[in-house]
Amino acid sequence: MPEASSQARRCWEIALAALAELGGKPEDVVRTRHYLTNVDDVEDVAAVHGEYFGEIRPASTIVVVAGLVDPRWKVEVELDAFVED
């Protein structure tokens, strides 16, 4: 498995755990963003996104950036969600 896929999977685990702490669930996600350091990783990272959001289908953006804070990082993610009180 490519390293970017593993990193993307771990990023989504962390982001969704944070969402769960707020009482949210993946179905509450309305938008996601990926930041990649290599355009060649798009398909692998998009496949991981599909594992988590394939049925939910939030708006999604993928951006290729020059680098992330830690040069070992190939992927970073963000999500926006609406969670009812």
N, C-alpha and C. Protein backbone atom coordinates (compact mmCIF):
# COMPACT_ATOMS: atom_id res chain seq x y z
N MET A 1 0.85 -1.19 0.00
CA MET A 1 0.00 0.00 0.00
C MET A 1 0.89 1.24 0.00
N PRO A 2 0.62 2.17 -0.88
CA PRO A 2 1.43 3.39 -0.91
C PRO A 2 1.35 4.15 0.42
N GLU A 3 2.45 4.80 0.74
CA GLU A 3 2.53 5.55 1.99
C GLU A 3 1.44 6.62 2.09
N ALA A 4 1.12 7.28 1.00
CA ALA A 4 0.08 8.32 1.03
C ALA A 4 -1.26 7.74 1.44
N SER A 5 -1.58 6.53 1.00
CA SER A 5 -2.83 5.90 1.40
C SER A 5 -2.86 5.65 2.90
N SER A 6 -1.78 5.15 3.43
CA SER A 6 -1.70 4.90 4.87
C SER A 6 -1.84 6.19 5.66
N GLN A 7 -1.17 7.23 5.20
CA GLN A 7 -1.27 8.52 5.89
C GLN A 7 -2.68 9.08 5.79
N ALA A 8 -3.31 8.96 4.64
CA ALA A 8 -4.68 9.46 4.48
C ALA A 8 -5.62 8.72 5.41
N ARG A 9 -5.47 7.40 5.47
CA ARG A 9 -6.34 6.61 6.35
C ARG A 9 -6.17 7.06 7.80
N ARG A 10 -4.92 7.26 8.24
CA ARG A 10 -4.68 7.69 9.61
C ARG A 10 -5.24 9.09 9.85
N CYS A 11 -5.10 9.99 8.88
CA CYS A 11 -5.66 11.34 9.02
C CYS A 11 -7.16 11.28 9.21
N TRP A 12 -7.86 10.44 8.42
CA TRP A 12 -9.32 10.36 8.55
C TRP A 12 -9.71 9.72 9.87
N GLU A 13 -8.94 8.75 10.36
CA GLU A 13 -9.22 8.17 11.68
C GLU A 13 -9.16 9.25 12.75
N ILE A 14 -8.14 10.08 12.71
CA ILE A 14 -7.97 11.15 13.70
C ILE A 14 -9.10 12.18 13.57
N ALA A 15 -9.38 12.62 12.36
CA ALA A 15 -10.41 13.65 12.15
C ALA A 15 -11.79 13.14 12.57
N LEU A 16 -12.11 11.91 12.22
CA LEU A 16 -13.43 11.38 12.58
C LEU A 16 -13.53 11.08 14.07
N ALA A 17 -12.43 10.74 14.71
CA ALA A 17 -12.45 10.56 16.18
C ALA A 17 -12.72 11.90 16.85
N ALA A 18 -12.12 12.97 16.35
CA ALA A 18 -12.37 14.31 16.91
C ALA A 18 -13.84 14.70 16.70
N LEU A 19 -14.37 14.39 15.53
CA LEU A 19 -15.78 14.67 15.26
C LEU A 19 -16.67 13.88 16.22
N ALA A 20 -16.34 12.63 16.46
CA ALA A 20 -17.13 11.79 17.37
C ALA A 20 -17.11 12.34 18.79
N GLU A 21 -15.99 12.91 19.21
CA GLU A 21 -15.91 13.52 20.55
C GLU A 21 -16.89 14.67 20.70
N LEU A 22 -17.26 15.28 19.58
CA LEU A 22 -18.23 16.38 19.59
C LEU A 22 -19.65 15.89 19.36
N GLY A 23 -19.81 14.57 19.29
CA GLY A 23 -21.13 14.00 19.07
C GLY A 23 -21.50 13.82 17.62
N GLY A 24 -20.55 14.00 16.72
CA GLY A 24 -20.82 13.88 15.29
C GLY A 24 -20.48 12.51 14.75
N LYS A 25 -20.89 12.30 13.53
CA LYS A 25 -20.62 11.05 12.83
C LYS A 25 -20.31 11.37 11.38
N PRO A 26 -19.75 10.42 10.64
CA PRO A 26 -19.39 10.70 9.25
C PRO A 26 -20.53 11.28 8.42
N GLU A 27 -21.75 10.87 8.70
CA GLU A 27 -22.90 11.38 7.94
C GLU A 27 -23.15 12.87 8.15
N ASP A 28 -22.54 13.45 9.18
CA ASP A 28 -22.66 14.88 9.44
C ASP A 28 -21.67 15.73 8.62
N VAL A 29 -20.73 15.07 7.96
CA VAL A 29 -19.70 15.77 7.20
C VAL A 29 -20.29 16.28 5.89
N VAL A 30 -20.08 17.58 5.64
CA VAL A 30 -20.61 18.20 4.42
C VAL A 30 -19.52 18.61 3.45
N ARG A 31 -18.26 18.67 3.92
CA ARG A 31 -17.16 19.08 3.05
C ARG A 31 -15.87 18.49 3.58
N THR A 32 -15.02 18.04 2.65
CA THR A 32 -13.69 17.55 3.02
C THR A 32 -12.64 18.22 2.13
N ARG A 33 -11.42 18.28 2.66
CA ARG A 33 -10.30 18.82 1.90
C ARG A 33 -9.09 17.93 2.11
N HIS A 34 -8.36 17.68 1.04
CA HIS A 34 -7.08 16.98 1.10
C HIS A 34 -6.00 17.94 0.63
N TYR A 35 -4.89 17.92 1.32
CA TYR A 35 -3.70 18.64 0.89
C TYR A 35 -2.64 17.58 0.63
N LEU A 36 -2.17 17.50 -0.62
CA LEU A 36 -1.19 16.50 -1.02
C LEU A 36 0.10 17.18 -1.45
N THR A 37 1.22 16.52 -1.19
CA THR A 37 2.50 17.06 -1.64
C THR A 37 2.92 16.49 -2.99
N ASN A 38 2.17 15.50 -3.50
CA ASN A 38 2.53 14.88 -4.77
C ASN A 38 1.25 14.56 -5.54
N VAL A 39 1.10 15.12 -6.71
CA VAL A 39 -0.10 14.91 -7.52
C VAL A 39 -0.28 13.44 -7.88
N ASP A 40 0.78 12.67 -7.91
CA ASP A 40 0.69 11.25 -8.24
C ASP A 40 -0.08 10.45 -7.19
N ASP A 41 -0.30 11.02 -6.02
CA ASP A 41 -1.01 10.33 -4.94
C ASP A 41 -2.52 10.53 -4.97
N VAL A 42 -3.02 11.31 -5.91
CA VAL A 42 -4.43 11.67 -5.94
C VAL A 42 -5.33 10.44 -5.96
N GLU A 43 -5.10 9.51 -6.85
CA GLU A 43 -5.99 8.34 -6.97
C GLU A 43 -5.99 7.50 -5.70
N ASP A 44 -4.81 7.26 -5.12
CA ASP A 44 -4.73 6.45 -3.91
C ASP A 44 -5.45 7.12 -2.75
N VAL A 45 -5.25 8.42 -2.59
CA VAL A 45 -5.88 9.16 -1.49
C VAL A 45 -7.39 9.27 -1.72
N ALA A 46 -7.80 9.47 -2.94
CA ALA A 46 -9.24 9.53 -3.25
C ALA A 46 -9.91 8.19 -2.94
N ALA A 47 -9.23 7.09 -3.18
CA ALA A 47 -9.79 5.77 -2.87
C ALA A 47 -10.02 5.62 -1.37
N VAL A 48 -9.09 6.11 -0.57
CA VAL A 48 -9.26 6.07 0.88
C VAL A 48 -10.45 6.93 1.29
N HIS A 49 -10.56 8.11 0.69
CA HIS A 49 -11.71 8.99 0.97
C HIS A 49 -13.01 8.23 0.69
N GLY A 50 -13.04 7.48 -0.38
CA GLY A 50 -14.23 6.71 -0.72
C GLY A 50 -14.57 5.65 0.32
N GLU A 51 -13.57 5.10 0.99
CA GLU A 51 -13.82 4.12 2.04
C GLU A 51 -14.64 4.73 3.18
N TYR A 52 -14.38 5.98 3.47
CA TYR A 52 -15.05 6.66 4.58
C TYR A 52 -16.32 7.40 4.16
N PHE A 53 -16.32 7.94 2.95
CA PHE A 53 -17.39 8.85 2.54
C PHE A 53 -18.09 8.46 1.24
N GLY A 54 -17.86 7.26 0.76
CA GLY A 54 -18.42 6.84 -0.53
C GLY A 54 -19.93 6.96 -0.62
N GLU A 55 -20.63 6.61 0.45
CA GLU A 55 -22.10 6.69 0.45
C GLU A 55 -22.59 8.07 0.87
N ILE A 56 -21.76 8.82 1.57
CA ILE A 56 -22.16 10.12 2.10
C ILE A 56 -21.99 11.22 1.06
N ARG A 57 -20.89 11.17 0.35
CA ARG A 57 -20.59 12.06 -0.77
C ARG A 57 -20.60 13.55 -0.41
N PRO A 58 -19.79 13.96 0.59
CA PRO A 58 -19.68 15.40 0.87
C PRO A 58 -18.96 16.11 -0.27
N ALA A 59 -19.11 17.41 -0.34
CA ALA A 59 -18.30 18.19 -1.28
C ALA A 59 -16.84 17.94 -0.91
N SER A 60 -15.97 17.84 -1.91
CA SER A 60 -14.59 17.48 -1.62
C SER A 60 -13.63 18.24 -2.54
N THR A 61 -12.51 18.64 -1.96
CA THR A 61 -11.48 19.35 -2.71
C THR A 61 -10.14 18.68 -2.45
N ILE A 62 -9.33 18.56 -3.48
CA ILE A 62 -7.96 18.09 -3.34
C ILE A 62 -7.04 19.18 -3.88
N VAL A 63 -6.07 19.57 -3.05
CA VAL A 63 -5.13 20.62 -3.43
C VAL A 63 -3.71 20.06 -3.32
N VAL A 64 -2.90 20.32 -4.31
CA VAL A 64 -1.49 19.94 -4.25
C VAL A 64 -0.71 21.15 -3.75
N VAL A 65 0.09 20.92 -2.71
CA VAL A 65 0.85 22.00 -2.08
C VAL A 65 2.35 21.70 -2.19
N ALA A 66 3.16 22.73 -2.00
CA ALA A 66 4.61 22.56 -2.09
C ALA A 66 5.16 21.71 -0.96
N GLY A 67 4.52 21.74 0.19
CA GLY A 67 4.99 20.95 1.31
C GLY A 67 4.11 21.16 2.52
N LEU A 68 4.29 20.30 3.50
CA LEU A 68 3.59 20.40 4.77
C LEU A 68 4.62 20.64 5.86
N VAL A 69 4.19 20.90 7.08
CA VAL A 69 5.09 21.27 8.17
C VAL A 69 6.20 20.24 8.38
N ASP A 70 5.83 18.97 8.37
CA ASP A 70 6.80 17.88 8.52
C ASP A 70 7.05 17.30 7.14
N PRO A 71 8.28 17.28 6.66
CA PRO A 71 8.54 16.80 5.30
C PRO A 71 8.19 15.32 5.08
N ARG A 72 7.99 14.55 6.14
CA ARG A 72 7.57 13.15 5.99
C ARG A 72 6.09 13.05 5.64
N TRP A 73 5.32 14.10 5.93
CA TRP A 73 3.89 14.08 5.66
C TRP A 73 3.63 14.25 4.17
N LYS A 74 2.80 13.40 3.64
CA LYS A 74 2.41 13.48 2.24
C LYS A 74 0.97 13.96 2.09
N VAL A 75 0.20 13.86 3.20
CA VAL A 75 -1.24 14.14 3.16
C VAL A 75 -1.66 14.86 4.44
N GLU A 76 -2.55 15.79 4.30
CA GLU A 76 -3.26 16.38 5.44
C GLU A 76 -4.70 16.52 5.00
N VAL A 77 -5.63 16.44 5.96
CA VAL A 77 -7.05 16.52 5.63
C VAL A 77 -7.76 17.48 6.56
N GLU A 78 -8.92 17.93 6.12
CA GLU A 78 -9.83 18.76 6.92
C GLU A 78 -11.24 18.30 6.62
N LEU A 79 -12.13 18.52 7.57
CA LEU A 79 -13.54 18.28 7.32
C LEU A 79 -14.37 19.38 7.95
N ASP A 80 -15.52 19.63 7.35
CA ASP A 80 -16.54 20.51 7.91
C ASP A 80 -17.77 19.66 8.13
N ALA A 81 -18.40 19.82 9.29
CA ALA A 81 -19.59 19.04 9.59
C ALA A 81 -20.59 19.90 10.34
N PHE A 82 -21.86 19.54 10.22
CA PHE A 82 -22.93 20.16 11.01
C PHE A 82 -23.45 19.11 11.96
N VAL A 83 -23.33 19.40 13.26
CA VAL A 83 -23.76 18.47 14.30
C VAL A 83 -24.86 19.13 15.11
N GLU A 84 -25.99 18.47 15.21
CA GLU A 84 -27.11 18.98 16.00
C GLU A 84 -26.76 18.93 17.47
N ASP A 85 -27.27 19.91 18.25
CA ASP A 85 -27.09 19.90 19.71
C ASP A 85 -27.86 18.76 20.33
